[in-house]
């Protein structure tokens, strides 16, 4: 399983240092949550942060857009240096267009579904995405409790992918990932886990990341 530390839980005053610590510890990618205060009740990073971090790390930058009408921001984040752009099905009536625009820029497109959204709702876009992100909390805030029922979706996605060799998407979860839940996720088809609080809140981020990596490997 790949680990994607979320800088939403990092020290905002030392983001470059926070990213460097997990890069040296073997993180697979950096997860950047972008919130607009409308689609979710919170505000966070913009493209300027992506541009800055692009100069600080060689790790892939995975941008999770929690914004209304994400298709309007595709070119901005491509120019900023994002490698992957993840957009919510619920945030746009034109999800196929949004994903197609992302693909045209050379970024990897990903679709995100909230806890109340079924896998069936994204069936028609699975052929064009590189990732499906299943929210295991309600989006908008870090530190929430993991919703274990969401792993039924990751099982379903793994079954769909195994049944159709033309599909090539990674299965990702975001929200409430910690030493206990990561072991559970590893048994339910999860390829990538976003971890924020479990990496950056308390202790040494590198040690925390190593612990999560070890637990995931043992459970797989």
N, C-alpha and C. Protein backbone atom coordinates (compact mmCIF):
# COMPACT_ATOMS: atom_id res chain seq x y z
N UNK A 1 0.84 -1.20 0.00
CA UNK A 1 0.00 0.00 0.00
C UNK A 1 0.87 1.25 0.00
N UNK A 2 0.51 2.21 -0.82
CA UNK A 2 1.20 3.49 -0.83
C UNK A 2 0.63 4.41 0.25
N UNK A 3 1.49 5.26 0.80
CA UNK A 3 1.07 6.24 1.80
C UNK A 3 1.22 7.65 1.24
N UNK A 4 0.17 8.45 1.42
CA UNK A 4 0.15 9.83 0.95
C UNK A 4 -0.09 10.76 2.13
N UNK A 5 0.96 11.28 2.75
CA UNK A 5 0.77 12.22 3.85
C UNK A 5 0.01 13.47 3.40
N UNK A 6 -0.97 13.86 4.20
CA UNK A 6 -1.76 15.06 3.91
C UNK A 6 -1.22 16.25 4.68
N UNK A 7 -0.82 17.27 3.95
CA UNK A 7 -0.24 18.44 4.62
C UNK A 7 -1.28 19.30 5.31
N UNK A 8 -2.57 18.93 5.21
CA UNK A 8 -3.59 19.66 5.94
C UNK A 8 -3.34 19.60 7.45
N UNK A 9 -2.67 18.54 7.88
CA UNK A 9 -2.37 18.37 9.31
C UNK A 9 -0.97 18.81 9.69
N UNK A 10 -0.20 19.29 8.72
CA UNK A 10 1.18 19.70 8.99
C UNK A 10 1.22 21.11 9.58
N UNK A 11 2.40 21.51 10.02
CA UNK A 11 2.63 22.86 10.51
C UNK A 11 2.66 23.81 9.31
N UNK A 12 1.65 24.65 9.18
CA UNK A 12 1.55 25.53 8.02
C UNK A 12 2.73 26.50 7.92
N UNK A 13 3.35 26.78 9.02
CA UNK A 13 4.49 27.71 9.01
C UNK A 13 5.77 27.07 8.49
N UNK A 14 5.77 25.74 8.37
CA UNK A 14 6.99 25.04 7.93
C UNK A 14 6.60 23.90 6.99
N UNK A 15 5.82 24.22 5.96
CA UNK A 15 5.32 23.17 5.07
C UNK A 15 6.45 22.47 4.32
N UNK A 16 7.43 23.24 3.86
CA UNK A 16 8.54 22.63 3.12
C UNK A 16 9.27 21.62 4.00
N UNK A 17 9.47 21.99 5.25
CA UNK A 17 10.14 21.09 6.19
C UNK A 17 9.29 19.84 6.44
N UNK A 18 7.97 20.03 6.54
CA UNK A 18 7.07 18.91 6.78
C UNK A 18 7.07 17.93 5.61
N UNK A 19 7.14 18.46 4.40
CA UNK A 19 7.18 17.61 3.21
C UNK A 19 8.52 16.90 3.11
N UNK A 20 9.59 17.62 3.40
CA UNK A 20 10.92 17.02 3.33
C UNK A 20 11.06 15.85 4.30
N UNK A 21 10.46 15.98 5.47
CA UNK A 21 10.57 14.92 6.49
C UNK A 21 9.94 13.63 6.00
N UNK A 22 8.76 13.71 5.39
CA UNK A 22 8.10 12.48 4.95
C UNK A 22 8.69 11.96 3.63
N UNK A 23 9.23 12.86 2.81
CA UNK A 23 9.91 12.40 1.60
C UNK A 23 11.10 11.53 1.97
N UNK A 24 11.92 12.00 2.92
CA UNK A 24 13.08 11.24 3.35
C UNK A 24 12.68 9.94 4.03
N UNK A 25 11.47 9.91 4.60
CA UNK A 25 11.00 8.71 5.29
C UNK A 25 10.36 7.69 4.35
N UNK A 26 10.25 8.05 3.07
CA UNK A 26 9.73 7.08 2.11
C UNK A 26 8.28 7.24 1.72
N UNK A 27 7.70 8.43 1.91
CA UNK A 27 6.33 8.67 1.44
C UNK A 27 6.27 8.48 -0.07
N UNK A 28 5.11 8.06 -0.55
CA UNK A 28 4.95 7.80 -1.98
C UNK A 28 4.46 9.01 -2.76
N UNK A 29 3.75 9.90 -2.10
CA UNK A 29 3.20 11.10 -2.72
C UNK A 29 2.78 12.06 -1.62
N UNK A 30 2.52 13.31 -1.99
CA UNK A 30 2.02 14.31 -1.05
C UNK A 30 0.59 14.66 -1.44
N UNK A 31 -0.28 14.64 -0.44
CA UNK A 31 -1.70 14.92 -0.65
C UNK A 31 -2.00 16.36 -0.23
N UNK A 32 -2.57 17.13 -1.14
CA UNK A 32 -2.84 18.55 -0.88
C UNK A 32 -4.34 18.80 -1.00
N UNK A 33 -4.97 19.14 0.11
CA UNK A 33 -6.42 19.38 0.14
C UNK A 33 -6.72 20.84 -0.17
N UNK A 34 -7.50 21.06 -1.21
CA UNK A 34 -7.90 22.41 -1.61
C UNK A 34 -9.39 22.56 -1.34
N UNK A 35 -9.76 23.50 -0.47
CA UNK A 35 -11.15 23.70 -0.06
C UNK A 35 -11.58 25.13 -0.32
N UNK A 36 -12.82 25.29 -0.75
CA UNK A 36 -13.28 26.63 -1.15
C UNK A 36 -14.26 27.28 -0.18
N UNK A 37 -14.60 26.60 0.92
CA UNK A 37 -15.57 27.18 1.85
C UNK A 37 -17.00 27.12 1.36
N UNK A 38 -17.23 26.50 0.23
CA UNK A 38 -18.57 26.38 -0.32
C UNK A 38 -18.97 24.91 -0.50
N UNK A 39 -18.17 24.18 -1.24
CA UNK A 39 -18.44 22.74 -1.38
C UNK A 39 -18.27 22.05 -0.03
N UNK A 40 -17.27 22.49 0.72
CA UNK A 40 -17.08 22.05 2.11
C UNK A 40 -16.95 23.29 2.98
N UNK A 41 -17.32 23.17 4.27
CA UNK A 41 -17.32 24.36 5.14
C UNK A 41 -15.95 24.67 5.72
N UNK A 42 -14.98 24.84 4.86
CA UNK A 42 -13.64 25.15 5.32
C UNK A 42 -12.86 25.76 4.16
N UNK A 43 -11.80 26.48 4.48
CA UNK A 43 -10.89 27.04 3.48
C UNK A 43 -9.50 26.47 3.72
N UNK A 44 -8.76 26.25 2.63
CA UNK A 44 -7.40 25.76 2.82
C UNK A 44 -6.50 26.29 1.72
N UNK A 45 -5.68 25.42 1.14
CA UNK A 45 -4.63 25.82 0.23
C UNK A 45 -5.15 26.21 -1.16
N UNK A 46 -4.31 26.95 -1.89
CA UNK A 46 -4.58 27.28 -3.27
C UNK A 46 -3.42 26.86 -4.15
N UNK A 47 -3.45 27.25 -5.41
CA UNK A 47 -2.39 26.84 -6.33
C UNK A 47 -1.01 27.36 -5.97
N UNK A 48 -0.93 28.46 -5.22
CA UNK A 48 0.39 28.99 -4.85
C UNK A 48 1.16 27.98 -3.99
N UNK A 49 0.47 27.30 -3.11
CA UNK A 49 1.12 26.30 -2.26
C UNK A 49 1.66 25.15 -3.13
N UNK A 50 0.88 24.75 -4.12
CA UNK A 50 1.34 23.70 -5.03
C UNK A 50 2.60 24.14 -5.76
N UNK A 51 2.61 25.38 -6.23
CA UNK A 51 3.79 25.91 -6.93
C UNK A 51 5.02 25.89 -6.04
N UNK A 52 4.86 26.30 -4.79
CA UNK A 52 5.99 26.34 -3.86
C UNK A 52 6.50 24.93 -3.59
N UNK A 53 5.58 24.01 -3.30
CA UNK A 53 6.00 22.65 -2.97
C UNK A 53 6.59 21.92 -4.17
N UNK A 54 6.17 22.34 -5.36
CA UNK A 54 6.74 21.72 -6.55
C UNK A 54 8.24 21.97 -6.63
N UNK A 55 8.67 23.10 -6.08
CA UNK A 55 10.09 23.43 -6.07
C UNK A 55 10.84 22.75 -4.92
N UNK A 56 10.10 22.19 -3.98
CA UNK A 56 10.71 21.65 -2.76
C UNK A 56 10.81 20.13 -2.74
N UNK A 57 10.07 19.45 -3.61
CA UNK A 57 10.03 17.99 -3.54
C UNK A 57 9.96 17.37 -4.93
N UNK A 58 10.50 16.17 -5.03
CA UNK A 58 10.37 15.40 -6.28
C UNK A 58 9.21 14.42 -6.20
N UNK A 59 8.56 14.33 -5.04
CA UNK A 59 7.42 13.43 -4.90
C UNK A 59 6.25 13.90 -5.75
N UNK A 60 5.42 12.98 -6.25
CA UNK A 60 4.20 13.38 -6.94
C UNK A 60 3.31 14.20 -6.02
N UNK A 61 2.73 15.26 -6.57
CA UNK A 61 1.79 16.10 -5.82
C UNK A 61 0.37 15.77 -6.24
N UNK A 62 -0.37 15.27 -5.29
CA UNK A 62 -1.75 14.84 -5.52
C UNK A 62 -2.67 15.91 -4.93
N UNK A 63 -3.39 16.62 -5.81
CA UNK A 63 -4.26 17.71 -5.37
C UNK A 63 -5.70 17.24 -5.33
N UNK A 64 -6.31 17.35 -4.17
CA UNK A 64 -7.68 16.93 -3.93
C UNK A 64 -8.56 18.18 -3.90
N UNK A 65 -9.29 18.40 -4.98
CA UNK A 65 -10.13 19.60 -5.09
C UNK A 65 -11.48 19.38 -4.42
N UNK A 66 -11.68 20.02 -3.30
CA UNK A 66 -12.99 20.03 -2.64
C UNK A 66 -13.61 21.40 -2.89
N UNK A 67 -13.93 21.63 -4.16
CA UNK A 67 -14.44 22.93 -4.60
C UNK A 67 -15.59 22.73 -5.57
N UNK A 68 -16.49 23.69 -5.61
CA UNK A 68 -17.55 23.67 -6.61
C UNK A 68 -16.98 23.96 -7.99
N UNK A 69 -17.54 23.31 -8.99
CA UNK A 69 -17.13 23.50 -10.39
C UNK A 69 -15.62 23.33 -10.56
N UNK A 70 -15.09 22.18 -10.22
CA UNK A 70 -13.64 21.97 -10.28
C UNK A 70 -13.05 22.11 -11.68
N UNK A 71 -13.88 21.94 -12.71
CA UNK A 71 -13.38 22.06 -14.08
C UNK A 71 -12.81 23.44 -14.37
N UNK A 72 -13.25 24.44 -13.61
CA UNK A 72 -12.76 25.80 -13.81
C UNK A 72 -11.32 25.99 -13.31
N UNK A 73 -10.80 25.02 -12.54
CA UNK A 73 -9.48 25.16 -11.92
C UNK A 73 -8.43 24.23 -12.50
N UNK A 74 -8.80 23.45 -13.48
CA UNK A 74 -7.90 22.42 -14.00
C UNK A 74 -6.59 23.01 -14.52
N UNK A 75 -6.68 24.00 -15.41
CA UNK A 75 -5.47 24.56 -16.01
C UNK A 75 -4.60 25.26 -14.97
N UNK A 76 -5.23 25.89 -13.98
CA UNK A 76 -4.48 26.58 -12.93
C UNK A 76 -3.60 25.63 -12.14
N UNK A 77 -4.14 24.48 -11.78
CA UNK A 77 -3.35 23.53 -11.00
C UNK A 77 -2.37 22.76 -11.86
N UNK A 78 -2.68 22.61 -13.13
CA UNK A 78 -1.70 22.02 -14.04
C UNK A 78 -0.48 22.93 -14.15
N UNK A 79 -0.72 24.23 -14.31
CA UNK A 79 0.37 25.19 -14.41
C UNK A 79 1.18 25.26 -13.11
N UNK A 80 0.51 25.01 -11.98
CA UNK A 80 1.18 25.08 -10.68
C UNK A 80 2.10 23.90 -10.44
N UNK A 81 1.92 22.82 -11.20
CA UNK A 81 2.80 21.68 -11.07
C UNK A 81 2.21 20.44 -10.44
N UNK A 82 0.88 20.38 -10.35
CA UNK A 82 0.25 19.18 -9.80
C UNK A 82 0.45 18.00 -10.74
N UNK A 83 0.63 16.83 -10.16
CA UNK A 83 0.77 15.60 -10.96
C UNK A 83 -0.56 14.87 -11.10
N UNK A 84 -1.39 14.97 -10.08
CA UNK A 84 -2.68 14.30 -10.06
C UNK A 84 -3.73 15.29 -9.56
N UNK A 85 -4.89 15.26 -10.19
CA UNK A 85 -5.98 16.14 -9.77
C UNK A 85 -7.21 15.28 -9.52
N UNK A 86 -7.70 15.33 -8.28
CA UNK A 86 -8.83 14.51 -7.85
C UNK A 86 -10.04 15.41 -7.65
N UNK A 87 -11.15 15.08 -8.31
CA UNK A 87 -12.34 15.93 -8.26
C UNK A 87 -13.55 15.13 -7.80
N UNK A 88 -14.41 15.79 -7.07
CA UNK A 88 -15.61 15.15 -6.53
C UNK A 88 -16.72 15.05 -7.56
N UNK A 89 -17.28 13.86 -7.65
CA UNK A 89 -18.47 13.68 -8.48
C UNK A 89 -19.56 14.66 -8.08
N UNK A 90 -19.70 14.90 -6.78
CA UNK A 90 -20.80 15.71 -6.27
C UNK A 90 -20.62 17.21 -6.52
N UNK A 91 -19.41 17.61 -6.95
CA UNK A 91 -19.11 19.04 -7.07
C UNK A 91 -19.40 19.62 -8.45
N UNK A 92 -19.76 18.76 -9.40
CA UNK A 92 -19.98 19.25 -10.76
C UNK A 92 -21.01 18.39 -11.49
N UNK A 93 -21.85 19.01 -12.33
CA UNK A 93 -22.75 18.21 -13.17
C UNK A 93 -22.05 17.66 -14.40
N UNK A 94 -20.77 18.01 -14.56
CA UNK A 94 -20.03 17.63 -15.77
C UNK A 94 -18.77 16.86 -15.40
N UNK A 95 -18.92 15.76 -14.67
CA UNK A 95 -17.76 15.03 -14.19
C UNK A 95 -16.92 14.46 -15.33
N UNK A 96 -17.55 14.00 -16.39
CA UNK A 96 -16.77 13.45 -17.51
C UNK A 96 -15.94 14.54 -18.16
N UNK A 97 -16.53 15.71 -18.35
CA UNK A 97 -15.78 16.83 -18.92
C UNK A 97 -14.61 17.23 -18.03
N UNK A 98 -14.85 17.32 -16.73
CA UNK A 98 -13.78 17.70 -15.81
C UNK A 98 -12.62 16.72 -15.87
N UNK A 99 -12.92 15.44 -15.85
CA UNK A 99 -11.87 14.42 -15.89
C UNK A 99 -11.14 14.42 -17.23
N UNK A 100 -11.88 14.66 -18.30
CA UNK A 100 -11.26 14.72 -19.63
C UNK A 100 -10.31 15.91 -19.73
N UNK A 101 -10.71 17.05 -19.16
CA UNK A 101 -9.84 18.23 -19.16
C UNK A 101 -8.55 17.96 -18.39
N UNK A 102 -8.68 17.28 -17.26
CA UNK A 102 -7.49 16.94 -16.48
C UNK A 102 -6.55 16.07 -17.30
N UNK A 103 -7.10 15.08 -17.94
CA UNK A 103 -6.28 14.17 -18.75
C UNK A 103 -5.58 14.90 -19.88
N UNK A 104 -6.27 15.87 -20.48
CA UNK A 104 -5.69 16.63 -21.59
C UNK A 104 -4.46 17.44 -21.17
N UNK A 105 -4.40 17.84 -19.91
CA UNK A 105 -3.26 18.62 -19.43
C UNK A 105 -2.02 17.76 -19.16
N UNK A 106 -2.21 16.45 -19.12
CA UNK A 106 -1.11 15.56 -18.78
C UNK A 106 -1.11 15.12 -17.33
N UNK A 107 -1.98 15.72 -16.51
CA UNK A 107 -2.13 15.25 -15.13
C UNK A 107 -2.93 13.96 -15.11
N UNK A 108 -2.77 13.17 -14.05
CA UNK A 108 -3.57 11.98 -13.87
C UNK A 108 -4.92 12.37 -13.26
N UNK A 109 -6.04 11.98 -13.90
CA UNK A 109 -7.35 12.33 -13.35
C UNK A 109 -7.83 11.31 -12.32
N UNK A 110 -8.47 11.82 -11.28
CA UNK A 110 -9.07 10.96 -10.27
C UNK A 110 -10.45 11.45 -9.89
N UNK A 111 -11.34 10.52 -9.59
CA UNK A 111 -12.69 10.88 -9.17
C UNK A 111 -12.84 10.53 -7.70
N UNK A 112 -13.56 11.39 -6.98
CA UNK A 112 -13.76 11.23 -5.53
C UNK A 112 -15.25 11.08 -5.25
N UNK A 113 -15.57 10.15 -4.33
CA UNK A 113 -16.97 10.01 -3.92
C UNK A 113 -17.10 10.16 -2.41
N UNK A 114 -18.12 10.90 -1.99
CA UNK A 114 -18.43 11.13 -0.59
C UNK A 114 -19.05 9.88 0.04
N UNK A 115 -19.12 9.83 1.37
CA UNK A 115 -19.72 8.65 2.02
C UNK A 115 -21.13 8.32 1.55
N UNK A 116 -21.91 9.31 1.17
CA UNK A 116 -23.29 9.04 0.74
C UNK A 116 -23.46 8.69 -0.72
N UNK A 117 -22.36 8.58 -1.45
CA UNK A 117 -22.41 8.31 -2.90
C UNK A 117 -21.99 6.87 -3.17
N UNK A 118 -22.74 6.20 -4.03
CA UNK A 118 -22.45 4.80 -4.34
C UNK A 118 -21.43 4.67 -5.45
N UNK A 119 -20.80 3.52 -5.54
CA UNK A 119 -19.85 3.24 -6.61
C UNK A 119 -20.54 3.25 -7.97
N UNK A 120 -21.79 2.83 -8.01
CA UNK A 120 -22.54 2.82 -9.28
C UNK A 120 -22.55 4.18 -9.95
N UNK A 121 -22.51 5.24 -9.17
CA UNK A 121 -22.61 6.60 -9.71
C UNK A 121 -21.41 6.98 -10.57
N UNK A 122 -20.28 6.28 -10.41
CA UNK A 122 -19.07 6.64 -11.19
C UNK A 122 -18.73 5.57 -12.23
N UNK A 123 -19.63 4.64 -12.44
CA UNK A 123 -19.35 3.52 -13.35
C UNK A 123 -18.90 3.99 -14.73
N UNK A 124 -19.52 5.03 -15.27
CA UNK A 124 -19.25 5.45 -16.64
C UNK A 124 -17.92 6.19 -16.80
N UNK A 125 -17.31 6.64 -15.70
CA UNK A 125 -16.03 7.35 -15.82
C UNK A 125 -14.84 6.50 -15.39
N UNK A 126 -15.07 5.31 -14.93
CA UNK A 126 -13.96 4.46 -14.50
C UNK A 126 -12.93 4.22 -15.61
N UNK A 127 -13.34 4.12 -16.88
CA UNK A 127 -12.34 3.89 -17.93
C UNK A 127 -11.36 5.05 -18.14
N UNK A 128 -11.66 6.24 -17.64
CA UNK A 128 -10.78 7.38 -17.93
C UNK A 128 -10.02 7.87 -16.70
N UNK A 129 -10.22 7.23 -15.55
CA UNK A 129 -9.54 7.71 -14.34
C UNK A 129 -8.35 6.83 -13.98
N UNK A 130 -7.38 7.46 -13.31
CA UNK A 130 -6.22 6.75 -12.79
C UNK A 130 -6.39 6.41 -11.31
N UNK A 131 -7.34 7.09 -10.65
CA UNK A 131 -7.59 6.84 -9.24
C UNK A 131 -9.06 7.04 -8.93
N UNK A 132 -9.53 6.24 -7.98
CA UNK A 132 -10.83 6.47 -7.36
C UNK A 132 -10.57 6.67 -5.87
N UNK A 133 -10.94 7.83 -5.38
CA UNK A 133 -10.76 8.15 -3.96
C UNK A 133 -12.10 8.01 -3.25
N UNK A 134 -12.14 7.08 -2.30
CA UNK A 134 -13.32 6.86 -1.47
C UNK A 134 -13.13 7.62 -0.17
N UNK A 135 -13.99 8.59 0.08
CA UNK A 135 -13.92 9.33 1.34
C UNK A 135 -14.40 8.43 2.48
N UNK A 136 -13.56 8.28 3.48
CA UNK A 136 -13.92 7.46 4.64
C UNK A 136 -14.29 8.32 5.84
N UNK A 137 -14.46 9.62 5.57
CA UNK A 137 -15.09 10.59 6.48
C UNK A 137 -15.86 11.56 5.60
N UNK A 138 -16.65 12.41 6.21
CA UNK A 138 -17.27 13.49 5.44
C UNK A 138 -16.20 14.54 5.15
N UNK A 139 -16.12 15.02 3.92
CA UNK A 139 -15.00 15.90 3.55
C UNK A 139 -15.08 17.27 4.21
N UNK A 140 -13.89 17.86 4.42
CA UNK A 140 -13.85 19.24 4.88
C UNK A 140 -12.99 19.49 6.10
N UNK A 141 -12.78 18.46 6.93
CA UNK A 141 -12.01 18.65 8.16
C UNK A 141 -11.15 17.43 8.42
N UNK A 142 -9.96 17.65 8.96
CA UNK A 142 -9.10 16.56 9.38
C UNK A 142 -9.50 16.06 10.76
N UNK A 143 -8.97 14.90 11.15
CA UNK A 143 -9.17 14.39 12.49
C UNK A 143 -10.49 13.72 12.76
N UNK A 144 -11.28 13.40 11.71
CA UNK A 144 -12.57 12.75 11.93
C UNK A 144 -12.40 11.24 12.10
N UNK A 145 -13.46 10.61 12.62
CA UNK A 145 -13.44 9.17 12.85
C UNK A 145 -13.73 8.41 11.57
N UNK A 146 -12.97 7.39 11.32
CA UNK A 146 -13.08 6.52 10.15
C UNK A 146 -14.47 5.86 10.10
N UNK A 147 -15.06 5.81 8.89
CA UNK A 147 -16.35 5.13 8.69
C UNK A 147 -16.07 3.78 8.04
N UNK A 148 -16.06 2.69 8.82
CA UNK A 148 -15.63 1.40 8.29
C UNK A 148 -16.51 0.86 7.16
N UNK A 149 -17.78 1.26 7.14
CA UNK A 149 -18.67 0.77 6.08
C UNK A 149 -18.21 1.20 4.69
N UNK A 150 -17.39 2.25 4.61
CA UNK A 150 -16.90 2.71 3.31
C UNK A 150 -15.99 1.69 2.64
N UNK A 151 -15.45 0.75 3.41
CA UNK A 151 -14.59 -0.28 2.82
C UNK A 151 -15.38 -1.26 1.97
N UNK A 152 -16.70 -1.26 2.12
CA UNK A 152 -17.53 -2.05 1.20
C UNK A 152 -17.37 -1.49 -0.23
N UNK A 153 -17.16 -0.19 -0.34
CA UNK A 153 -16.96 0.42 -1.66
C UNK A 153 -15.61 0.02 -2.24
N UNK A 154 -14.57 -0.02 -1.40
CA UNK A 154 -13.26 -0.40 -1.93
C UNK A 154 -13.27 -1.86 -2.38
N UNK A 155 -13.98 -2.71 -1.65
CA UNK A 155 -14.14 -4.10 -2.08
C UNK A 155 -14.84 -4.17 -3.44
N UNK A 156 -15.89 -3.38 -3.58
CA UNK A 156 -16.65 -3.36 -4.83
C UNK A 156 -15.79 -2.87 -5.99
N UNK A 157 -15.02 -1.82 -5.75
CA UNK A 157 -14.14 -1.29 -6.79
C UNK A 157 -13.07 -2.31 -7.19
N UNK A 158 -12.51 -3.01 -6.22
CA UNK A 158 -11.51 -4.03 -6.52
C UNK A 158 -12.12 -5.14 -7.37
N UNK A 159 -13.35 -5.51 -7.08
CA UNK A 159 -14.02 -6.55 -7.86
C UNK A 159 -14.26 -6.09 -9.29
N UNK A 160 -14.70 -4.85 -9.44
CA UNK A 160 -14.94 -4.30 -10.79
C UNK A 160 -13.65 -4.27 -11.59
N UNK A 161 -12.57 -3.82 -10.97
CA UNK A 161 -11.28 -3.73 -11.65
C UNK A 161 -10.75 -5.12 -12.03
N UNK A 162 -10.91 -6.07 -11.16
CA UNK A 162 -10.44 -7.43 -11.44
C UNK A 162 -11.23 -8.08 -12.58
N UNK A 163 -12.48 -7.67 -12.72
CA UNK A 163 -13.36 -8.26 -13.73
C UNK A 163 -13.10 -7.70 -15.12
N UNK A 164 -12.54 -6.49 -15.20
CA UNK A 164 -12.34 -5.82 -16.50
C UNK A 164 -10.89 -5.42 -16.63
N UNK A 165 -10.13 -6.12 -17.47
CA UNK A 165 -8.69 -5.87 -17.61
C UNK A 165 -8.39 -4.50 -18.23
N UNK A 166 -9.37 -3.86 -18.84
CA UNK A 166 -9.14 -2.54 -19.45
C UNK A 166 -9.10 -1.43 -18.41
N UNK A 167 -9.56 -1.71 -17.21
CA UNK A 167 -9.58 -0.70 -16.15
C UNK A 167 -8.26 -0.69 -15.42
N UNK A 168 -7.76 0.51 -15.13
CA UNK A 168 -6.42 0.65 -14.56
C UNK A 168 -6.38 1.77 -13.54
N UNK A 169 -7.29 1.73 -12.57
CA UNK A 169 -7.33 2.79 -11.56
C UNK A 169 -6.85 2.26 -10.21
N UNK A 170 -6.20 3.15 -9.45
CA UNK A 170 -5.85 2.84 -8.08
C UNK A 170 -7.01 3.16 -7.16
N UNK A 171 -7.10 2.41 -6.06
CA UNK A 171 -8.17 2.61 -5.09
C UNK A 171 -7.57 3.27 -3.85
N UNK A 172 -8.11 4.44 -3.53
CA UNK A 172 -7.55 5.28 -2.47
C UNK A 172 -8.61 5.58 -1.43
N UNK A 173 -8.17 5.74 -0.18
CA UNK A 173 -9.08 6.20 0.87
C UNK A 173 -8.51 7.44 1.53
N UNK A 174 -9.40 8.25 2.08
CA UNK A 174 -9.01 9.51 2.72
C UNK A 174 -9.93 9.77 3.90
N UNK A 175 -9.33 9.85 5.09
CA UNK A 175 -10.09 10.22 6.26
C UNK A 175 -10.03 9.18 7.37
N UNK A 176 -9.53 9.58 8.52
CA UNK A 176 -9.52 8.69 9.67
C UNK A 176 -8.52 7.56 9.60
N UNK A 177 -7.52 7.69 8.74
CA UNK A 177 -6.50 6.64 8.64
C UNK A 177 -5.54 6.77 9.81
N UNK A 178 -5.38 5.68 10.55
CA UNK A 178 -4.49 5.65 11.71
C UNK A 178 -3.95 4.23 11.86
N UNK A 179 -3.12 3.96 12.88
CA UNK A 179 -2.55 2.62 13.00
C UNK A 179 -3.58 1.49 13.07
N UNK A 180 -4.76 1.78 13.61
CA UNK A 180 -5.79 0.74 13.66
C UNK A 180 -6.51 0.56 12.34
N UNK A 181 -6.91 1.65 11.72
CA UNK A 181 -7.72 1.53 10.50
C UNK A 181 -6.91 1.17 9.28
N UNK A 182 -5.62 1.46 9.28
CA UNK A 182 -4.82 1.14 8.09
C UNK A 182 -4.68 -0.38 7.93
N UNK A 183 -4.66 -1.10 9.03
CA UNK A 183 -4.60 -2.56 8.95
C UNK A 183 -5.89 -3.11 8.35
N UNK A 184 -6.99 -2.51 8.70
CA UNK A 184 -8.28 -2.92 8.15
C UNK A 184 -8.36 -2.61 6.67
N UNK A 185 -7.91 -1.40 6.29
CA UNK A 185 -7.96 -0.99 4.89
C UNK A 185 -7.11 -1.89 4.01
N UNK A 186 -5.98 -2.36 4.52
CA UNK A 186 -5.08 -3.19 3.73
C UNK A 186 -5.73 -4.50 3.32
N UNK A 187 -6.77 -4.89 4.02
CA UNK A 187 -7.46 -6.15 3.72
C UNK A 187 -8.66 -5.95 2.80
N UNK A 188 -8.88 -4.71 2.35
CA UNK A 188 -10.07 -4.41 1.55
C UNK A 188 -9.74 -3.72 0.23
N UNK A 189 -8.68 -4.13 -0.40
CA UNK A 189 -8.39 -3.67 -1.75
C UNK A 189 -7.84 -2.27 -1.88
N UNK A 190 -7.45 -1.64 -0.79
CA UNK A 190 -6.95 -0.26 -0.83
C UNK A 190 -5.50 -0.24 -1.29
N UNK A 191 -5.22 0.57 -2.31
CA UNK A 191 -3.86 0.71 -2.85
C UNK A 191 -3.12 1.89 -2.27
N UNK A 192 -3.86 2.95 -1.91
CA UNK A 192 -3.27 4.21 -1.45
C UNK A 192 -4.07 4.71 -0.26
N UNK A 193 -3.41 5.11 0.80
CA UNK A 193 -4.10 5.67 1.96
C UNK A 193 -3.55 7.06 2.25
N UNK A 194 -4.45 8.02 2.37
CA UNK A 194 -4.08 9.38 2.78
C UNK A 194 -4.05 9.41 4.31
N UNK A 195 -2.99 9.94 4.86
CA UNK A 195 -2.87 10.03 6.32
C UNK A 195 -2.37 11.41 6.70
N UNK A 196 -3.16 12.11 7.49
CA UNK A 196 -2.80 13.45 7.93
C UNK A 196 -2.44 13.49 9.40
N UNK A 197 -3.45 13.41 10.25
CA UNK A 197 -3.24 13.49 11.70
C UNK A 197 -2.31 12.39 12.19
N UNK A 198 -2.44 11.18 11.62
CA UNK A 198 -1.62 10.05 12.08
C UNK A 198 -0.15 10.24 11.77
N UNK A 199 0.17 11.11 10.80
CA UNK A 199 1.55 11.39 10.46
C UNK A 199 2.07 12.62 11.20
N UNK A 200 1.29 13.70 11.20
CA UNK A 200 1.80 14.99 11.64
C UNK A 200 1.38 15.43 13.03
N UNK A 201 0.38 14.79 13.62
CA UNK A 201 -0.08 15.24 14.95
C UNK A 201 0.50 14.36 16.04
N UNK A 202 1.59 14.80 16.63
CA UNK A 202 2.19 14.08 17.73
C UNK A 202 3.35 13.21 17.30
N UNK A 203 4.47 13.37 17.96
CA UNK A 203 5.63 12.57 17.64
C UNK A 203 6.36 13.05 16.41
N UNK A 204 7.25 12.21 15.93
CA UNK A 204 8.06 12.53 14.76
C UNK A 204 7.36 12.05 13.49
N UNK A 205 7.11 12.93 12.50
CA UNK A 205 6.40 12.51 11.29
C UNK A 205 7.04 11.32 10.58
N UNK A 206 8.38 11.29 10.52
CA UNK A 206 9.05 10.17 9.85
C UNK A 206 8.78 8.86 10.59
N UNK A 207 8.87 8.89 11.91
CA UNK A 207 8.60 7.69 12.70
C UNK A 207 7.15 7.25 12.56
N UNK A 208 6.25 8.23 12.58
CA UNK A 208 4.83 7.91 12.43
C UNK A 208 4.54 7.26 11.08
N UNK A 209 5.17 7.80 10.03
CA UNK A 209 4.97 7.24 8.69
C UNK A 209 5.53 5.82 8.62
N UNK A 210 6.71 5.62 9.16
CA UNK A 210 7.31 4.28 9.16
C UNK A 210 6.40 3.27 9.87
N UNK A 211 5.79 3.71 10.95
CA UNK A 211 4.89 2.82 11.71
C UNK A 211 3.68 2.42 10.86
N UNK A 212 3.10 3.39 10.18
CA UNK A 212 1.96 3.09 9.31
C UNK A 212 2.37 2.15 8.17
N UNK A 213 3.52 2.40 7.58
CA UNK A 213 4.00 1.55 6.50
C UNK A 213 4.18 0.11 6.97
N UNK A 214 4.73 -0.04 8.14
CA UNK A 214 4.96 -1.38 8.69
C UNK A 214 3.64 -2.11 8.95
N UNK A 215 2.69 -1.41 9.51
CA UNK A 215 1.39 -2.02 9.82
C UNK A 215 0.66 -2.44 8.53
N UNK A 216 0.71 -1.57 7.54
CA UNK A 216 0.05 -1.88 6.27
C UNK A 216 0.69 -3.10 5.61
N UNK A 217 2.02 -3.16 5.64
CA UNK A 217 2.73 -4.28 5.02
C UNK A 217 2.41 -5.59 5.73
N UNK A 218 2.30 -5.54 7.05
CA UNK A 218 2.01 -6.75 7.82
C UNK A 218 0.59 -7.26 7.55
N UNK A 219 -0.32 -6.34 7.26
CA UNK A 219 -1.72 -6.72 7.06
C UNK A 219 -2.03 -7.18 5.65
N UNK A 220 -1.19 -6.81 4.69
CA UNK A 220 -1.48 -7.15 3.30
C UNK A 220 -1.29 -8.64 3.03
